[in-house]
């Protein structure tokens, strides 16, 4: 079970990592074989399923995204806590976004699902 303190710390560190544009810092929150799902993956990585697996594949996708969006900045709105998951609701360059993070027993993200306002 995840608690409020863990969720708040994760949220603050995740937002700060992205706002610093430090890809290694961002990736430090994830398990080596995590899976990422996002509709933007199809656009940037050319993967029609919208899914990538592993730090190498997702890291390459995020590196492209950071190069395309040098002004990337997130503002956290709220953090929602589940049993073994956290949802971050935040404002980004596309508008409002939500990401759901599923955590493994090591408290690293094993799967993440990004959602964007249309």
C-alpha atoms as a PDB file:
ATOM      1  CA  UNK A   1       0.000   0.000   0.000  1.00  0.00           C
ATOM      2  CA  UNK A   2       1.228   3.479  -0.834  1.00  0.00           C
ATOM      3  CA  UNK A   3       0.718   6.253   1.685  1.00  0.00           C
ATOM      4  CA  UNK A   4       0.145   9.977   1.346  1.00  0.00           C
ATOM      5  CA  UNK A   5       3.751  10.879   2.250  1.00  0.00           C
ATOM      6  CA  UNK A   6       5.171   8.593  -0.462  1.00  0.00           C
ATOM      7  CA  UNK A   7       2.683   9.932  -3.024  1.00  0.00           C
ATOM      8  CA  UNK A   8       3.456  13.571  -2.234  1.00  0.00           C
ATOM      9  CA  UNK A   9       7.214  12.954  -2.371  1.00  0.00           C
ATOM     10  CA  UNK A  10       6.917  11.055  -5.660  1.00  0.00           C
ATOM     11  CA  UNK A  11       4.737  13.801  -7.177  1.00  0.00           C
ATOM     12  CA  UNK A  12       7.084  16.616  -6.155  1.00  0.00           C
ATOM     13  CA  UNK A  13      10.181  14.771  -7.348  1.00  0.00           C
ATOM     14  CA  UNK A  14       8.571  13.624 -10.630  1.00  0.00           C
ATOM     15  CA  UNK A  15       7.446  17.175 -11.492  1.00  0.00           C
ATOM     16  CA  UNK A  16      10.844  18.614 -10.521  1.00  0.00           C
ATOM     17  CA  UNK A  17      12.661  15.978 -12.604  1.00  0.00           C
ATOM     18  CA  UNK A  18      10.642  16.810 -15.716  1.00  0.00           C
ATOM     19  CA  UNK A  19      10.963  20.560 -15.157  1.00  0.00           C
ATOM     20  CA  UNK A  20      14.745  20.171 -14.889  1.00  0.00           C
ATOM     21  CA  UNK A  21      14.745  18.315 -18.255  1.00  0.00           C
ATOM     22  CA  UNK A  22      17.122  15.780 -16.656  1.00  0.00           C
ATOM     23  CA  UNK A  23      16.191  12.525 -18.395  1.00  0.00           C
ATOM     24  CA  UNK A  24      18.276  10.332 -16.053  1.00  0.00           C
ATOM     25  CA  UNK A  25      16.490  11.888 -13.089  1.00  0.00           C
ATOM     26  CA  UNK A  26      13.096  11.246 -14.706  1.00  0.00           C
ATOM     27  CA  UNK A  27      13.989   7.637 -15.536  1.00  0.00           C
ATOM     28  CA  UNK A  28      15.205   6.973 -11.980  1.00  0.00           C
ATOM     29  CA  UNK A  29      11.552   6.637 -10.904  1.00  0.00           C
ATOM     30  CA  UNK A  30      10.920   3.671 -13.203  1.00  0.00           C
ATOM     31  CA  UNK A  31      11.729  -0.061 -13.188  1.00  0.00           C
ATOM     32  CA  UNK A  32      14.045  -1.176 -15.996  1.00  0.00           C
ATOM     33  CA  UNK A  33      11.250  -3.035 -17.814  1.00  0.00           C
ATOM     34  CA  UNK A  34       8.384  -0.603 -17.209  1.00  0.00           C
ATOM     35  CA  UNK A  35       5.710  -0.052 -19.829  1.00  0.00           C
ATOM     36  CA  UNK A  36       4.565   3.397 -20.938  1.00  0.00           C
ATOM     37  CA  UNK A  37       1.272   4.057 -22.681  1.00  0.00           C
ATOM     38  CA  UNK A  38       0.508   7.418 -24.287  1.00  0.00           C
ATOM     39  CA  UNK A  39      -1.262   8.622 -27.417  1.00  0.00           C
ATOM     40  CA  UNK A  40       1.772  10.854 -28.074  1.00  0.00           C
ATOM     41  CA  UNK A  41       4.015   7.774 -28.475  1.00  0.00           C
ATOM     42  CA  UNK A  42       2.392   7.124 -31.846  1.00  0.00           C
ATOM     43  CA  UNK A  43       3.233  10.659 -33.011  1.00  0.00           C
ATOM     44  CA  UNK A  44       6.781  11.006 -31.693  1.00  0.00           C
ATOM     45  CA  UNK A  45       8.076   7.418 -31.587  1.00  0.00           C
ATOM     46  CA  UNK A  46       6.057   6.134 -34.540  1.00  0.00           C
ATOM     47  CA  UNK A  47       4.676   3.217 -32.519  1.00  0.00           C
ATOM     48  CA  UNK A  48       1.006   2.872 -33.550  1.00  0.00           C
ATOM     49  CA  UNK A  49       0.038   0.930 -30.405  1.00  0.00           C
ATOM     50  CA  UNK A  50       0.944   3.945 -28.252  1.00  0.00           C
ATOM     51  CA  UNK A  51       2.979   1.637 -25.971  1.00  0.00           C
ATOM     52  CA  UNK A  52       6.691   1.254 -25.312  1.00  0.00           C
ATOM     53  CA  UNK A  53       8.476  -1.105 -22.926  1.00  0.00           C
ATOM     54  CA  UNK A  54      11.771  -0.615 -21.118  1.00  0.00           C
ATOM     55  CA  UNK A  55      13.911   2.336 -20.098  1.00  0.00           C
ATOM     56  CA  UNK A  56      15.898   2.289 -23.350  1.00  0.00           C
ATOM     57  CA  UNK A  57      12.833   2.582 -25.608  1.00  0.00           C
ATOM     58  CA  UNK A  58      10.949   5.038 -23.413  1.00  0.00           C
ATOM     59  CA  UNK A  59      14.102   7.050 -22.744  1.00  0.00           C
ATOM     60  CA  UNK A  60      14.677   7.462 -26.498  1.00  0.00           C
ATOM     61  CA  UNK A  61      11.056   8.601 -26.916  1.00  0.00           C
ATOM     62  CA  UNK A  62      11.311  11.085 -24.045  1.00  0.00           C
ATOM     63  CA  UNK A  63      14.638  12.418 -25.358  1.00  0.00           C
ATOM     64  CA  UNK A  64      12.907  13.193 -28.677  1.00  0.00           C
ATOM     65  CA  UNK A  65       9.998  14.800 -26.869  1.00  0.00           C
ATOM     66  CA  UNK A  66      12.291  17.014 -24.773  1.00  0.00           C
ATOM     67  CA  UNK A  67      14.151  18.106 -27.926  1.00  0.00           C
ATOM     68  CA  UNK A  68      10.848  18.960 -29.646  1.00  0.00           C
ATOM     69  CA  UNK A  69       9.474  20.826 -26.599  1.00  0.00           C
ATOM     70  CA  UNK A  70      12.399  22.724 -25.038  1.00  0.00           C
ATOM     71  CA  UNK A  71      10.029  24.887 -22.952  1.00  0.00           C
ATOM     72  CA  UNK A  72       8.357  21.831 -21.332  1.00  0.00           C
ATOM     73  CA  UNK A  73       7.079  22.703 -17.859  1.00  0.00           C
ATOM     74  CA  UNK A  74       4.576  20.930 -15.631  1.00  0.00           C
ATOM     75  CA  UNK A  75       2.496  22.392 -12.792  1.00  0.00           C
ATOM     76  CA  UNK A  76       1.041  19.874 -10.347  1.00  0.00           C
ATOM     77  CA  UNK A  77      -2.670  20.362  -9.597  1.00  0.00           C
ATOM     78  CA  UNK A  78      -3.330  17.364  -7.347  1.00  0.00           C
ATOM     79  CA  UNK A  79      -2.150  13.894  -6.423  1.00  0.00           C
ATOM     80  CA  UNK A  80      -4.555  10.962  -6.144  1.00  0.00           C
ATOM     81  CA  UNK A  81      -3.536   7.817  -4.246  1.00  0.00           C
ATOM     82  CA  UNK A  82      -4.680   4.260  -4.983  1.00  0.00           C
ATOM     83  CA  UNK A  83      -3.685   0.923  -3.457  1.00  0.00           C
ATOM     84  CA  UNK A  84      -0.479   0.517  -5.490  1.00  0.00           C
ATOM     85  CA  UNK A  85      -0.922   3.439  -7.824  1.00  0.00           C
ATOM     86  CA  UNK A  86      -0.780   7.202  -7.970  1.00  0.00           C
ATOM     87  CA  UNK A  87      -2.449   9.544 -10.437  1.00  0.00           C
ATOM     88  CA  UNK A  88      -0.924  12.960 -11.010  1.00  0.00           C
ATOM     89  CA  UNK A  89      -3.197  15.627 -12.426  1.00  0.00           C
ATOM     90  CA  UNK A  90      -1.111  18.459 -13.822  1.00  0.00           C
ATOM     91  CA  UNK A  91      -0.980  21.277 -16.327  1.00  0.00           C
ATOM     92  CA  UNK A  92       1.511  20.941 -19.147  1.00  0.00           C
ATOM     93  CA  UNK A  93       2.134  22.568 -22.501  1.00  0.00           C
ATOM     94  CA  UNK A  94      -0.852  20.641 -23.976  1.00  0.00           C
ATOM     95  CA  UNK A  95      -3.181  21.743 -21.182  1.00  0.00           C
ATOM     96  CA  UNK A  96      -4.527  19.470 -18.489  1.00  0.00           C
ATOM     97  CA  UNK A  97      -3.018  16.004 -18.206  1.00  0.00           C
ATOM     98  CA  UNK A  98      -3.249  12.999 -15.923  1.00  0.00           C
ATOM     99  CA  UNK A  99      -0.791  10.161 -15.545  1.00  0.00           C
ATOM    100  CA  UNK A 100      -1.493   6.946 -13.718  1.00  0.00           C
ATOM    101  CA  UNK A 101       1.550   5.203 -12.232  1.00  0.00           C
ATOM    102  CA  UNK A 102       1.454   1.560 -11.129  1.00  0.00           C
ATOM    103  CA  UNK A 103       4.170   0.655  -8.618  1.00  0.00           C
ATOM    104  CA  UNK A 104       5.990  -2.621  -8.095  1.00  0.00           C
ATOM    105  CA  UNK A 105       7.109  -3.947  -4.700  1.00  0.00           C
ATOM    106  CA  UNK A 106      10.362  -1.955  -5.031  1.00  0.00           C
ATOM    107  CA  UNK A 107       8.253   1.257  -5.247  1.00  0.00           C
ATOM    108  CA  UNK A 108       9.477   1.875  -8.795  1.00  0.00           C
ATOM    109  CA  UNK A 109       6.950   2.553 -11.545  1.00  0.00           C
ATOM    110  CA  UNK A 110       6.189  -0.676 -13.434  1.00  0.00           C
ATOM    111  CA  UNK A 111       3.577   0.845 -15.759  1.00  0.00           C
ATOM    112  CA  UNK A 112       2.415   4.357 -16.590  1.00  0.00           C
ATOM    113  CA  UNK A 113      -0.563   5.607 -18.575  1.00  0.00           C
ATOM    114  CA  UNK A 114      -0.663   9.213 -19.831  1.00  0.00           C
ATOM    115  CA  UNK A 115      -3.955  10.987 -20.589  1.00  0.00           C
ATOM    116  CA  UNK A 116      -4.450  14.402 -22.177  1.00  0.00           C
ATOM    117  CA  UNK A 117      -7.372  16.794 -22.488  1.00  0.00           C
ATOM    118  CA  UNK A 118      -8.622  16.947 -26.051  1.00  0.00           C
END
